[in-house]
Amino acid sequence: MIQLLQERLSDALHFVEPQGGGTIWVRPLRQVNVRNVFQRLLKQQVVIAPGELFSLQGLHAQHLRLSHSVGAEQDLANALGLLADALRLEAVE
């Protein structure tokens, strides 16, 4: 997933390569409505986790948690393309 993120979304997301596991925390470089990104992707059967779900205080509203399973690299590439579209469409001007 890291390679695909670097190739397709390095101009839209900040992320640090994790030392292990299948989860990556990302932060859009531009302010976006993350809840709308989540809803838009959910309608397309792509599930991400808004960062605020992981904070009792509602912190990390501009972060997303991405996870993936092994295999189906084309599915992952398609999902990241949909994420790129959603980030662009939900950017706050």
PDB file of N, CA and C in Angstrom:
ATOM      1  N   MET A   1       0.826  -1.189   0.000  1.00  0.00           N
ATOM      2  CA  MET A   1       0.000   0.000   0.000  1.00  0.00           C
ATOM      3  C   MET A   1       0.872   1.255   0.000  1.00  0.00           C
ATOM      4  N   ILE A   2       2.004   1.223   0.679  1.00  0.00           N
ATOM      5  CA  ILE A   2       2.872   2.394   0.749  1.00  0.00           C
ATOM      6  C   ILE A   2       3.288   2.845  -0.649  1.00  0.00           C
ATOM      7  N   GLN A   3       3.695   1.904  -1.472  1.00  0.00           N
ATOM      8  CA  GLN A   3       4.136   2.256  -2.824  1.00  0.00           C
ATOM      9  C   GLN A   3       3.007   2.916  -3.616  1.00  0.00           C
ATOM     10  N   LEU A   4       1.808   2.359  -3.511  1.00  0.00           N
ATOM     11  CA  LEU A   4       0.666   2.952  -4.217  1.00  0.00           C
ATOM     12  C   LEU A   4       0.326   4.337  -3.668  1.00  0.00           C
ATOM     13  N   LEU A   5       0.412   4.505  -2.355  1.00  0.00           N
ATOM     14  CA  LEU A   5       0.170   5.824  -1.769  1.00  0.00           C
ATOM     15  C   LEU A   5       1.188   6.832  -2.283  1.00  0.00           C
ATOM     16  N   GLN A   6       2.450   6.429  -2.333  1.00  0.00           N
ATOM     17  CA  GLN A   6       3.494   7.330  -2.823  1.00  0.00           C
ATOM     18  C   GLN A   6       3.273   7.681  -4.287  1.00  0.00           C
ATOM     19  N   GLU A   7       2.884   6.691  -5.082  1.00  0.00           N
ATOM     20  CA  GLU A   7       2.682   6.918  -6.513  1.00  0.00           C
ATOM     21  C   GLU A   7       1.448   7.762  -6.805  1.00  0.00           C
ATOM     22  N   ARG A   8       0.367   7.526  -6.072  1.00  0.00           N
ATOM     23  CA  ARG A   8      -0.919   8.116  -6.435  1.00  0.00           C
ATOM     24  C   ARG A   8      -1.386   9.266  -5.556  1.00  0.00           C
ATOM     25  N   LEU A   9      -0.928   9.314  -4.293  1.00  0.00           N
ATOM     26  CA  LEU A   9      -1.492  10.304  -3.373  1.00  0.00           C
ATOM     27  C   LEU A   9      -0.454  11.118  -2.612  1.00  0.00           C
ATOM     28  N   SER A  10       0.806  11.065  -3.008  1.00  0.00           N
ATOM     29  CA  SER A  10       1.828  11.805  -2.262  1.00  0.00           C
ATOM     30  C   SER A  10       1.611  13.315  -2.342  1.00  0.00           C
ATOM     31  N   ASP A  11       0.904  13.780  -3.365  1.00  0.00           N
ATOM     32  CA  ASP A  11       0.607  15.208  -3.480  1.00  0.00           C
ATOM     33  C   ASP A  11      -0.647  15.608  -2.706  1.00  0.00           C
ATOM     34  N   ALA A  12      -1.344  14.630  -2.114  1.00  0.00           N
ATOM     35  CA  ALA A  12      -2.596  14.915  -1.405  1.00  0.00           C
ATOM     36  C   ALA A  12      -2.571  14.504   0.062  1.00  0.00           C
ATOM     37  N   LEU A  13      -1.666  13.585   0.429  1.00  0.00           N
ATOM     38  CA  LEU A  13      -1.655  13.035   1.789  1.00  0.00           C
ATOM     39  C   LEU A  13      -0.267  13.065   2.402  1.00  0.00           C
ATOM     40  N   HIS A  14      -0.229  13.279   3.703  1.00  0.00           N
ATOM     41  CA  HIS A  14       1.002  13.090   4.478  1.00  0.00           C
ATOM     42  C   HIS A  14       0.858  11.770   5.220  1.00  0.00           C
ATOM     43  N   PHE A  15       1.889  10.955   5.190  1.00  0.00           N
ATOM     44  CA  PHE A  15       1.875   9.699   5.932  1.00  0.00           C
ATOM     45  C   PHE A  15       3.304   9.280   6.211  1.00  0.00           C
ATOM     46  N   VAL A  16       3.452   8.471   7.238  1.00  0.00           N
ATOM     47  CA  VAL A  16       4.743   7.903   7.608  1.00  0.00           C
ATOM     48  C   VAL A  16       4.614   6.400   7.472  1.00  0.00           C
ATOM     49  N   GLU A  17       5.581   5.794   6.824  1.00  0.00           N
ATOM     50  CA  GLU A  17       5.537   4.346   6.638  1.00  0.00           C
ATOM     51  C   GLU A  17       5.571   3.656   7.995  1.00  0.00           C
ATOM     52  N   PRO A  18       4.583   2.803   8.283  1.00  0.00           N
ATOM     53  CA  PRO A  18       4.565   2.107   9.580  1.00  0.00           C
ATOM     54  C   PRO A  18       5.686   1.072   9.662  1.00  0.00           C
ATOM     55  N   GLN A  19       6.088   0.778  10.880  1.00  0.00           N
ATOM     56  CA  GLN A  19       7.131  -0.219  11.104  1.00  0.00           C
ATOM     57  C   GLN A  19       6.596  -1.641  11.022  1.00  0.00           C
ATOM     58  N   GLY A  20       5.286  -1.789  11.047  1.00  0.00           N
ATOM     59  CA  GLY A  20       4.672  -3.109  10.946  1.00  0.00           C
ATOM     60  C   GLY A  20       3.162  -2.979  10.902  1.00  0.00           C
ATOM     61  N   GLY A  21       2.510  -4.063  10.569  1.00  0.00           N
ATOM     62  CA  GLY A  21       1.049  -4.073  10.544  1.00  0.00           C
ATOM     63  C   GLY A  21       0.485  -3.605   9.223  1.00  0.00           C
ATOM     64  N   GLY A  22      -0.812  -3.677   9.120  1.00  0.00           N
ATOM     65  CA  GLY A  22      -1.505  -3.334   7.888  1.00  0.00           C
ATOM     66  C   GLY A  22      -2.307  -2.060   7.986  1.00  0.00           C
ATOM     67  N   THR A  23      -1.959  -1.175   8.921  1.00  0.00           N
ATOM     68  CA  THR A  23      -2.701   0.062   9.118  1.00  0.00           C
ATOM     69  C   THR A  23      -1.781   1.253   8.891  1.00  0.00           C
ATOM     70  N   ILE A  24      -2.289   2.243   8.186  1.00  0.00           N
ATOM     71  CA  ILE A  24      -1.527   3.462   7.927  1.00  0.00           C
ATOM     72  C   ILE A  24      -2.404   4.657   8.292  1.00  0.00           C
ATOM     73  N   TRP A  25      -1.845   5.569   9.080  1.00  0.00           N
ATOM     74  CA  TRP A  25      -2.522   6.820   9.390  1.00  0.00           C
ATOM     75  C   TRP A  25      -2.081   7.852   8.370  1.00  0.00           C
ATOM     76  N   VAL A  26      -3.041   8.552   7.789  1.00  0.00           N
ATOM     77  CA  VAL A  26      -2.740   9.582   6.802  1.00  0.00           C
ATOM     78  C   VAL A  26      -3.456  10.872   7.182  1.00  0.00           C
ATOM     79  N   ARG A  27      -2.889  11.986   6.722  1.00  0.00           N
ATOM     80  CA  ARG A  27      -3.500  13.296   6.940  1.00  0.00           C
ATOM     81  C   ARG A  27      -3.509  14.036   5.603  1.00  0.00           C
ATOM     82  N   PRO A  28      -4.672  14.473   5.165  1.00  0.00           N
ATOM     83  CA  PRO A  28      -4.724  15.250   3.922  1.00  0.00           C
ATOM     84  C   PRO A  28      -3.877  16.518   4.043  1.00  0.00           C
ATOM     85  N   LEU A  29      -3.199  16.892   2.976  1.00  0.00           N
ATOM     86  CA  LEU A  29      -2.386  18.105   2.974  1.00  0.00           C
ATOM     87  C   LEU A  29      -3.253  19.354   2.925  1.00  0.00           C
ATOM     88  N   ARG A  30      -4.442  19.234   2.350  1.00  0.00           N
ATOM     89  CA  ARG A  30      -5.419  20.323   2.360  1.00  0.00           C
ATOM     90  C   ARG A  30      -6.535  19.936   3.316  1.00  0.00           C
ATOM     91  N   GLN A  31      -7.178  20.930   3.903  1.00  0.00           N
ATOM     92  CA  GLN A  31      -8.286  20.631   4.800  1.00  0.00           C
ATOM     93  C   GLN A  31      -9.447  20.067   3.997  1.00  0.00           C
ATOM     94  N   VAL A  32      -9.997  18.952   4.488  1.00  0.00           N
ATOM     95  CA  VAL A  32     -11.140  18.316   3.846  1.00  0.00           C
ATOM     96  C   VAL A  32     -12.186  18.000   4.901  1.00  0.00           C
ATOM     97  N   ASN A  33     -13.407  17.781   4.461  1.00  0.00           N
ATOM     98  CA  ASN A  33     -14.454  17.313   5.352  1.00  0.00           C
ATOM     99  C   ASN A  33     -14.350  15.788   5.385  1.00  0.00           C
ATOM    100  N   VAL A  34     -13.667  15.270   6.399  1.00  0.00           N
ATOM    101  CA  VAL A  34     -13.376  13.836   6.481  1.00  0.00           C
ATOM    102  C   VAL A  34     -14.655  13.019   6.606  1.00  0.00           C
ATOM    103  N   ARG A  35     -15.639  13.535   7.319  1.00  0.00           N
ATOM    104  CA  ARG A  35     -16.909  12.799   7.427  1.00  0.00           C
ATOM    105  C   ARG A  35     -17.546  12.610   6.050  1.00  0.00           C
ATOM    106  N   ASN A  36     -17.502  13.646   5.230  1.00  0.00           N
ATOM    107  CA  ASN A  36     -18.056  13.527   3.880  1.00  0.00           C
ATOM    108  C   ASN A  36     -17.235  12.576   3.021  1.00  0.00           C
ATOM    109  N   VAL A  37     -15.911  12.583   3.204  1.00  0.00           N
ATOM    110  CA  VAL A  37     -15.052  11.627   2.492  1.00  0.00           C
ATOM    111  C   VAL A  37     -15.465  10.211   2.873  1.00  0.00           C
ATOM    112  N   PHE A  38     -15.641   9.984   4.179  1.00  0.00           N
ATOM    113  CA  PHE A  38     -16.062   8.671   4.673  1.00  0.00           C
ATOM    114  C   PHE A  38     -17.386   8.251   4.038  1.00  0.00           C
ATOM    115  N   GLN A  39     -18.385   9.132   4.060  1.00  0.00           N
ATOM    116  CA  GLN A  39     -19.709   8.813   3.517  1.00  0.00           C
ATOM    117  C   GLN A  39     -19.646   8.562   2.007  1.00  0.00           C
ATOM    118  N   ARG A  40     -18.893   9.380   1.308  1.00  0.00           N
ATOM    119  CA  ARG A  40     -18.762   9.232  -0.150  1.00  0.00           C
ATOM    120  C   ARG A  40     -18.149   7.871  -0.495  1.00  0.00           C
ATOM    121  N   LEU A  41     -17.095   7.492   0.231  1.00  0.00           N
ATOM    122  CA  LEU A  41     -16.434   6.213  -0.037  1.00  0.00           C
ATOM    123  C   LEU A  41     -17.304   5.035   0.377  1.00  0.00           C
ATOM    124  N   LEU A  42     -18.018   5.176   1.480  1.00  0.00           N
ATOM    125  CA  LEU A  42     -18.891   4.102   1.946  1.00  0.00           C
ATOM    126  C   LEU A  42     -19.940   3.761   0.883  1.00  0.00           C
ATOM    127  N   LYS A  43     -20.464   4.775   0.221  1.00  0.00           N
ATOM    128  CA  LYS A  43     -21.440   4.546  -0.853  1.00  0.00           C
ATOM    129  C   LYS A  43     -20.832   3.767  -2.018  1.00  0.00           C
ATOM    130  N   GLN A  44     -19.509   3.810  -2.115  1.00  0.00           N
ATOM    131  CA  GLN A  44     -18.803   3.097  -3.183  1.00  0.00           C
ATOM    132  C   GLN A  44     -18.164   1.806  -2.664  1.00  0.00           C
ATOM    133  N   GLN A  45     -18.590   1.399  -1.465  1.00  0.00           N
ATOM    134  CA  GLN A  45     -18.139   0.163  -0.821  1.00  0.00           C
ATOM    135  C   GLN A  45     -16.647   0.168  -0.503  1.00  0.00           C
ATOM    136  N   VAL A  46     -16.132   1.345  -0.169  1.00  0.00           N
ATOM    137  CA  VAL A  46     -14.762   1.490   0.320  1.00  0.00           C
ATOM    138  C   VAL A  46     -14.874   2.043   1.730  1.00  0.00           C
ATOM    139  N   VAL A  47     -14.317   1.333   2.697  1.00  0.00           N
ATOM    140  CA  VAL A  47     -14.443   1.740   4.094  1.00  0.00           C
ATOM    141  C   VAL A  47     -13.099   2.245   4.602  1.00  0.00           C
ATOM    142  N   ILE A  48     -13.109   3.474   5.100  1.00  0.00           N
ATOM    143  CA  ILE A  48     -11.964   4.055   5.788  1.00  0.00           C
ATOM    144  C   ILE A  48     -12.432   4.382   7.195  1.00  0.00           C
ATOM    145  N   ALA A  49     -11.509   4.726   8.063  1.00  0.00           N
ATOM    146  CA  ALA A  49     -11.885   5.094   9.427  1.00  0.00           C
ATOM    147  C   ALA A  49     -11.459   6.536   9.685  1.00  0.00           C
ATOM    148  N   PRO A  50     -12.418   7.436   9.895  1.00  0.00           N
ATOM    149  CA  PRO A  50     -12.061   8.802  10.267  1.00  0.00           C
ATOM    150  C   PRO A  50     -11.308   8.809  11.595  1.00  0.00           C
ATOM    151  N   GLY A  51     -10.275   9.619  11.684  1.00  0.00           N
ATOM    152  CA  GLY A  51      -9.427   9.643  12.870  1.00  0.00           C
ATOM    153  C   GLY A  51     -10.150   9.976  14.158  1.00  0.00           C
ATOM    154  N   GLU A  52     -11.189  10.808  14.084  1.00  0.00           N
ATOM    155  CA  GLU A  52     -11.885  11.209  15.306  1.00  0.00           C
ATOM    156  C   GLU A  52     -12.566  10.034  16.009  1.00  0.00           C
ATOM    157  N   LEU A  53     -12.785   8.934  15.309  1.00  0.00           N
ATOM    158  CA  LEU A  53     -13.368   7.746  15.943  1.00  0.00           C
ATOM    159  C   LEU A  53     -12.449   7.149  16.999  1.00  0.00           C
ATOM    160  N   PHE A  54     -11.174   7.491  16.938  1.00  0.00           N
ATOM    161  CA  PHE A  54     -10.187   6.911  17.835  1.00  0.00           C
ATOM    162  C   PHE A  54      -9.803   7.857  18.967  1.00  0.00           C
ATOM    163  N   SER A  55     -10.626   8.876  19.205  1.00  0.00           N
ATOM    164  CA  SER A  55     -10.356   9.848  20.257  1.00  0.00           C
ATOM    165  C   SER A  55     -11.646  10.178  20.992  1.00  0.00           C
ATOM    166  N   LEU A  56     -11.631  10.040  22.299  1.00  0.00           N
ATOM    167  CA  LEU A  56     -12.805  10.398  23.099  1.00  0.00           C
ATOM    168  C   LEU A  56     -13.075  11.898  23.058  1.00  0.00           C
ATOM    169  N   GLN A  57     -12.040  12.686  22.796  1.00  0.00           N
ATOM    170  CA  GLN A  57     -12.178  14.138  22.746  1.00  0.00           C
ATOM    171  C   GLN A  57     -12.483  14.652  21.338  1.00  0.00           C
ATOM    172  N   GLY A  58     -12.627  13.750  20.367  1.00  0.00           N
ATOM    173  CA  GLY A  58     -12.911  14.169  19.000  1.00  0.00           C
ATOM    174  C   GLY A  58     -11.702  14.743  18.276  1.00  0.00           C
ATOM    175  N   LEU A  59     -10.509  14.392  18.736  1.00  0.00           N
ATOM    176  CA  LEU A  59      -9.282  14.861  18.101  1.00  0.00           C
ATOM    177  C   LEU A  59      -9.047  14.108  16.795  1.00  0.00           C
ATOM    178  N   HIS A  60      -8.086  14.533  16.057  1.00  0.00           N
ATOM    179  CA  HIS A  60      -7.642  13.867  14.824  1.00  0.00           C
ATOM    180  C   HIS A  60      -8.701  13.899  13.723  1.00  0.00           C
ATOM    181  N   ALA A  61      -9.492  14.966  13.700  1.00  0.00           N
ATOM    182  CA  ALA A  61     -10.561  15.074  12.706  1.00  0.00           C
ATOM    183  C   ALA A  61     -10.022  15.151  11.282  1.00  0.00           C
ATOM    184  N   GLN A  62      -8.764  15.514  11.119  1.00  0.00           N
ATOM    185  CA  GLN A  62      -8.179  15.604   9.779  1.00  0.00           C
ATOM    186  C   GLN A  62      -7.286  14.405   9.459  1.00  0.00           C
ATOM    187  N   HIS A  63      -7.503  13.304  10.158  1.00  0.00           N
ATOM    188  CA  HIS A  63      -6.729  12.089   9.903  1.00  0.00           C
ATOM    189  C   HIS A  63      -7.653  10.960   9.451  1.00  0.00           C
ATOM    190  N   LEU A  64      -7.073  10.031   8.697  1.00  0.00           N
ATOM    191  CA  LEU A  64      -7.782   8.840   8.243  1.00  0.00           C
ATOM    192  C   LEU A  64      -6.930   7.629   8.565  1.00  0.00           C
ATOM    193  N   ARG A  65      -7.588   6.564   8.937  1.00  0.00           N
ATOM    194  CA  ARG A  65      -6.892   5.298   9.159  1.00  0.00           C
ATOM    195  C   ARG A  65      -7.220   4.387   7.983  1.00  0.00           C
ATOM    196  N   LEU A  66      -6.184   3.978   7.278  1.00  0.00           N
ATOM    197  CA  LEU A  66      -6.340   3.084   6.137  1.00  0.00           C
ATOM    198  C   LEU A  66      -5.819   1.713   6.507  1.00  0.00           C
ATOM    199  N   SER A  67      -6.557   0.701   6.158  1.00  0.00           N
ATOM    200  CA  SER A  67      -6.141  -0.684   6.390  1.00  0.00           C
ATOM    201  C   SER A  67      -6.361  -1.459   5.105  1.00  0.00           C
ATOM    202  N   HIS A  68      -5.628  -2.542   4.972  1.00  0.00           N
ATOM    203  CA  HIS A  68      -5.811  -3.382   3.793  1.00  0.00           C
ATOM    204  C   HIS A  68      -5.474  -4.814   4.145  1.00  0.00           C
ATOM    205  N   SER A  69      -5.943  -5.705   3.306  1.00  0.00           N
ATOM    206  CA  SER A  69      -5.616  -7.117   3.476  1.00  0.00           C
ATOM    207  C   SER A  69      -4.666  -7.529   2.360  1.00  0.00           C
ATOM    208  N   VAL A  70      -4.138  -8.698   2.464  1.00  0.00           N
ATOM    209  CA  VAL A  70      -3.174  -9.192   1.490  1.00  0.00           C
ATOM    210  C   VAL A  70      -3.889  -9.550   0.189  1.00  0.00           C
ATOM    211  N   GLY A  71      -3.258  -9.262  -0.922  1.00  0.00           N
ATOM    212  CA  GLY A  71      -3.813  -9.633  -2.224  1.00  0.00           C
ATOM    213  C   GLY A  71      -4.615  -8.529  -2.855  1.00  0.00           C
ATOM    214  N   ALA A  72      -5.076  -8.802  -4.053  1.00  0.00           N
ATOM    215  CA  ALA A  72      -5.965  -7.915  -4.816  1.00  0.00           C
ATOM    216  C   ALA A  72      -5.410  -6.495  -4.924  1.00  0.00           C
ATOM    217  N   GLU A  73      -4.192  -6.378  -5.440  1.00  0.00           N
ATOM    218  CA  GLU A  73      -3.571  -5.060  -5.571  1.00  0.00           C
ATOM    219  C   GLU A  73      -4.378  -4.138  -6.476  1.00  0.00           C
ATOM    220  N   GLN A  74      -5.027  -4.687  -7.487  1.00  0.00           N
ATOM    221  CA  GLN A  74      -5.841  -3.852  -8.372  1.00  0.00           C
ATOM    222  C   GLN A  74      -7.026  -3.253  -7.615  1.00  0.00           C
ATOM    223  N   ASP A  75      -7.632  -4.031  -6.709  1.00  0.00           N
ATOM    224  CA  ASP A  75      -8.717  -3.502  -5.881  1.00  0.00           C
ATOM    225  C   ASP A  75      -8.212  -2.354  -5.011  1.00  0.00           C
ATOM    226  N   LEU A  76      -7.024  -2.519  -4.443  1.00  0.00           N
ATOM    227  CA  LEU A  76      -6.435  -1.471  -3.613  1.00  0.00           C
ATOM    228  C   LEU A  76      -6.163  -0.226  -4.454  1.00  0.00           C
ATOM    229  N   ALA A  77      -5.628  -0.408  -5.640  1.00  0.00           N
ATOM    230  CA  ALA A  77      -5.363   0.728  -6.524  1.00  0.00           C
ATOM    231  C   ALA A  77      -6.661   1.459  -6.863  1.00  0.00           C
ATOM    232  N   ASN A  78      -7.714   0.718  -7.140  1.00  0.00           N
ATOM    233  CA  ASN A  78      -9.017   1.331  -7.430  1.00  0.00           C
ATOM    234  C   ASN A  78      -9.540   2.096  -6.220  1.00  0.00           C
ATOM    235  N   ALA A  79      -9.416   1.501  -5.031  1.00  0.00           N
ATOM    236  CA  ALA A  79      -9.885   2.155  -3.803  1.00  0.00           C
ATOM    237  C   ALA A  79      -9.112   3.446  -3.547  1.00  0.00           C
ATOM    238  N   LEU A  80      -7.810   3.433  -3.779  1.00  0.00           N
ATOM    239  CA  LEU A  80      -7.018   4.649  -3.581  1.00  0.00           C
ATOM    240  C   LEU A  80      -7.376   5.713  -4.612  1.00  0.00           C
ATOM    241  N   GLY A  81      -7.751   5.299  -5.806  1.00  0.00           N
ATOM    242  CA  GLY A  81      -8.242   6.252  -6.798  1.00  0.00           C
ATOM    243  C   GLY A  81      -9.537   6.910  -6.352  1.00  0.00           C
ATOM    244  N   LEU A  82     -10.421   6.118  -5.773  1.00  0.00           N
ATOM    245  CA  LEU A  82     -11.674   6.663  -5.238  1.00  0.00           C
ATOM    246  C   LEU A  82     -11.402   7.596  -4.063  1.00  0.00           C
ATOM    247  N   LEU A  83     -10.421   7.239  -3.229  1.00  0.00           N
ATOM    248  CA  LEU A  83     -10.033   8.112  -2.114  1.00  0.00           C
ATOM    249  C   LEU A  83      -9.513   9.443  -2.652  1.00  0.00           C
ATOM    250  N   ALA A  84      -8.676   9.401  -3.664  1.00  0.00           N
ATOM    251  CA  ALA A  84      -8.151  10.638  -4.257  1.00  0.00           C
ATOM    252  C   ALA A  84      -9.289  11.519  -4.763  1.00  0.00           C
ATOM    253  N   ASP A  85     -10.253  10.915  -5.437  1.00  0.00           N
ATOM    254  CA  ASP A  85     -11.411  11.667  -5.935  1.00  0.00           C
ATOM    255  C   ASP A  85     -12.196  12.284  -4.787  1.00  0.00           C
ATOM    256  N   ALA A  86     -12.439  11.499  -3.735  1.00  0.00           N
ATOM    257  CA  ALA A  86     -13.214  11.986  -2.590  1.00  0.00           C
ATOM    258  C   ALA A  86     -12.493  13.130  -1.887  1.00  0.00           C
ATOM    259  N   LEU A  87     -11.179  13.020  -1.729  1.00  0.00           N
ATOM    260  CA  LEU A  87     -10.409  14.098  -1.096  1.00  0.00           C
ATOM    261  C   LEU A  87     -10.506  15.381  -1.915  1.00  0.00           C
ATOM    262  N   ARG A  88     -10.425  15.258  -3.214  1.00  0.00           N
ATOM    263  CA  ARG A  88     -10.517  16.427  -4.093  1.00  0.00           C
ATOM    264  C   ARG A  88     -11.905  17.058  -4.011  1.00  0.00           C
ATOM    265  N   LEU A  89     -12.942  16.225  -4.030  1.00  0.00           N
ATOM    266  CA  LEU A  89     -14.316  16.730  -4.021  1.00  0.00           C
ATOM    267  C   LEU A  89     -14.726  17.322  -2.679  1.00  0.00           C
ATOM    268  N   GLU A  90     -14.118  16.853  -1.594  1.00  0.00           N
ATOM    269  CA  GLU A  90     -14.509  17.310  -0.257  1.00  0.00           C
ATOM    270  C   GLU A  90     -13.529  18.307   0.349  1.00  0.00           C
ATOM    271  N   ALA A  91     -12.644  18.857  -0.475  1.00  0.00           N
ATOM    272  CA  ALA A  91     -11.703  19.865   0.018  1.00  0.00           C
ATOM    273  C   ALA A  91     -12.468  21.108   0.460  1.00  0.00           C
ATOM    274  N   VAL A  92     -12.050  21.659   1.587  1.00  0.00           N
ATOM    275  CA  VAL A  92     -12.652  22.877   2.123  1.00  0.00           C
ATOM    276  C   VAL A  92     -11.874  24.057   1.553  1.00  0.00           C
ATOM    277  N   GLU A  93     -12.562  24.923   0.886  1.00  0.00           N
ATOM    278  CA  GLU A  93     -11.903  26.091   0.256  1.00  0.00           C
ATOM    279  C   GLU A  93     -11.757  27.205   1.246  1.00  0.00           C
TER     280      GLU A  93
END
